[in-house]
Amino acid sequence: MAIKGVDHVVIRVKDLDQAVESYRKILGVEPRLQSSDALKADLAFFDLDNGTYVELIMPTDDASPIAGPLEKRGEGIHSIAFSVDDREKTAADLESKDVRVLGGTFVHPGSAHGVLLQLAER
């Protein structure tokens, strides 16, 4: 297993425009804006000099997979993605250690003290 470091952090927000203004001040970076039909969400990506990024995500539909967590837990960290060389191998290694992995990509929050972790192959 080779977790190389943090790839990105995803933050759930209720108002993307307001959150973009806040993070623009904090990070001093202009975001890339994007919409995702698959996630039914609007996103803002703040690319950082070390190759990582902060992603803000706001659901645009109640059917978005972000809508439920936003309603239940409010704004805040949705997930932390770790950079790995081989997602399948890392997921298999984690599962062999009784870590619950979802879809070969995410570590279940129950295995990570309430935090959804993502394995991001880079």
Protein backbone atom coordinates (compact mmCIF):
# COMPACT_ATOMS: atom_id res chain seq x y z
CA MET A 1 0.00 0.00 0.00
CA ALA A 2 1.35 3.41 -0.91
CA ILE A 3 -0.50 6.44 0.32
CA LYS A 4 1.64 9.30 -0.96
CA GLY A 5 -0.12 12.22 0.68
CA VAL A 6 -3.24 14.34 0.54
CA ASP A 7 -4.54 14.84 -3.00
CA HIS A 8 -7.48 17.10 -2.21
CA VAL A 9 -10.13 18.01 0.34
CA VAL A 10 -13.82 18.29 -0.55
CA ILE A 11 -15.97 20.73 1.43
CA ARG A 12 -19.80 20.72 1.37
CA VAL A 13 -21.34 24.19 1.16
CA LYS A 14 -24.85 25.61 1.03
CA ASP A 15 -23.98 28.72 -1.00
CA LEU A 16 -21.15 28.26 -3.49
CA ASP A 17 -20.80 31.98 -4.30
CA GLN A 18 -20.42 32.88 -0.64
CA ALA A 19 -17.99 30.01 -0.02
CA VAL A 20 -15.91 30.95 -3.08
CA GLU A 21 -15.54 34.49 -1.74
CA SER A 22 -14.43 33.17 1.65
CA TYR A 23 -11.92 30.67 0.26
CA ARG A 24 -10.62 33.17 -2.30
CA LYS A 25 -9.68 35.44 0.64
CA ILE A 26 -8.21 32.58 2.67
CA LEU A 27 -6.24 30.84 -0.09
CA GLY A 28 -5.45 33.80 -2.33
CA VAL A 29 -6.25 31.74 -5.42
CA GLU A 30 -8.86 32.10 -8.15
CA PRO A 31 -10.99 28.94 -8.49
CA ARG A 32 -11.91 26.91 -11.53
CA LEU A 33 -15.73 26.68 -11.61
CA GLN A 34 -17.53 23.63 -12.94
CA SER A 35 -20.93 21.95 -12.90
CA SER A 36 -21.41 18.21 -12.66
CA ASP A 37 -24.53 16.59 -14.08
CA ALA A 38 -23.48 13.24 -12.56
CA LEU A 39 -23.18 14.71 -9.05
CA LYS A 40 -26.00 17.22 -9.59
CA ALA A 41 -23.73 19.84 -8.10
CA ASP A 42 -21.74 22.99 -8.75
CA LEU A 43 -18.06 22.90 -7.85
CA ALA A 44 -15.14 25.26 -7.33
CA PHE A 45 -11.54 24.00 -7.42
CA PHE A 46 -8.77 25.98 -5.74
CA ASP A 47 -5.49 24.64 -7.10
CA LEU A 48 -2.56 25.04 -4.71
CA ASP A 49 1.12 25.35 -5.58
CA ASN A 50 2.03 21.93 -4.14
CA GLY A 51 -0.29 20.11 -6.58
CA THR A 52 -3.14 19.61 -4.12
CA TYR A 53 -6.48 21.38 -4.25
CA VAL A 54 -9.50 22.35 -2.20
CA GLU A 55 -12.84 21.52 -3.78
CA LEU A 56 -16.06 23.23 -2.74
CA ILE A 57 -19.25 21.42 -3.70
CA MET A 58 -22.87 22.58 -3.56
CA PRO A 59 -25.75 20.31 -4.55
CA THR A 60 -28.09 21.73 -7.21
CA ASP A 61 -30.75 19.06 -6.75
CA ASP A 62 -32.16 17.08 -3.82
CA ALA A 63 -31.09 13.90 -5.67
CA SER A 64 -27.42 14.91 -5.44
CA PRO A 65 -25.29 12.53 -3.34
CA ILE A 66 -24.09 15.68 -1.53
CA ALA A 67 -27.60 16.86 -0.55
CA GLY A 68 -28.17 14.24 2.15
CA PRO A 69 -24.85 14.75 3.95
CA LEU A 70 -25.27 18.53 3.71
CA GLU A 71 -28.75 18.31 5.25
CA LYS A 72 -27.70 15.80 7.92
CA ARG A 73 -24.26 17.11 8.87
CA GLY A 74 -24.27 20.67 7.53
CA GLU A 75 -21.40 22.45 5.86
CA GLY A 76 -17.89 21.14 6.37
CA ILE A 77 -15.45 18.52 5.22
CA HIS A 78 -17.17 16.01 2.96
CA SER A 79 -14.10 13.91 2.19
CA ILE A 80 -10.33 13.82 2.17
CA ALA A 81 -8.67 12.22 -0.85
CA PHE A 82 -5.30 10.53 -0.51
CA SER A 83 -3.03 10.17 -3.50
CA VAL A 84 -2.11 6.55 -4.22
CA ASP A 85 -0.12 4.82 -6.95
CA ASP A 86 -2.54 1.92 -7.39
CA ARG A 87 -6.11 2.33 -6.13
CA GLU A 88 -7.09 -1.32 -6.56
CA LYS A 89 -4.02 -2.60 -4.74
CA THR A 90 -4.43 -0.05 -1.95
CA ALA A 91 -8.13 -0.89 -1.55
CA ALA A 92 -7.34 -4.62 -1.41
CA ASP A 93 -4.61 -4.01 1.17
CA LEU A 94 -6.98 -1.96 3.31
CA GLU A 95 -9.71 -4.60 3.06
CA SER A 96 -7.19 -7.25 4.17
CA LYS A 97 -6.78 -5.16 7.33
CA ASP A 98 -10.56 -5.14 7.96
CA VAL A 99 -11.00 -1.58 6.70
CA ARG A 100 -14.38 -1.15 5.00
CA VAL A 101 -13.85 0.07 1.42
CA LEU A 102 -16.75 1.26 -0.76
CA GLY A 103 -16.55 0.63 -4.50
CA GLY A 104 -12.78 0.28 -4.41
CA THR A 105 -12.51 4.05 -4.09
CA PHE A 106 -13.73 5.23 -0.67
CA VAL A 107 -12.98 4.21 2.90
CA HIS A 108 -16.25 4.11 4.82
CA PRO A 109 -16.52 6.81 7.51
CA GLY A 110 -17.13 4.05 10.07
CA SER A 111 -13.58 2.84 9.48
CA ALA A 112 -12.09 6.35 9.62
CA HIS A 113 -13.69 7.92 12.70
CA GLY A 114 -16.47 9.66 10.80
CA VAL A 115 -14.46 10.90 7.79
CA LEU A 116 -15.10 9.70 4.24
CA LEU A 117 -11.69 9.00 2.69
CA GLN A 118 -11.08 8.70 -1.04
CA LEU A 119 -8.28 6.86 -2.81
CA ALA A 120 -7.19 9.07 -5.71
CA GLU A 121 -4.89 7.39 -8.20
CA ARG A 122 -2.29 9.82 -9.46
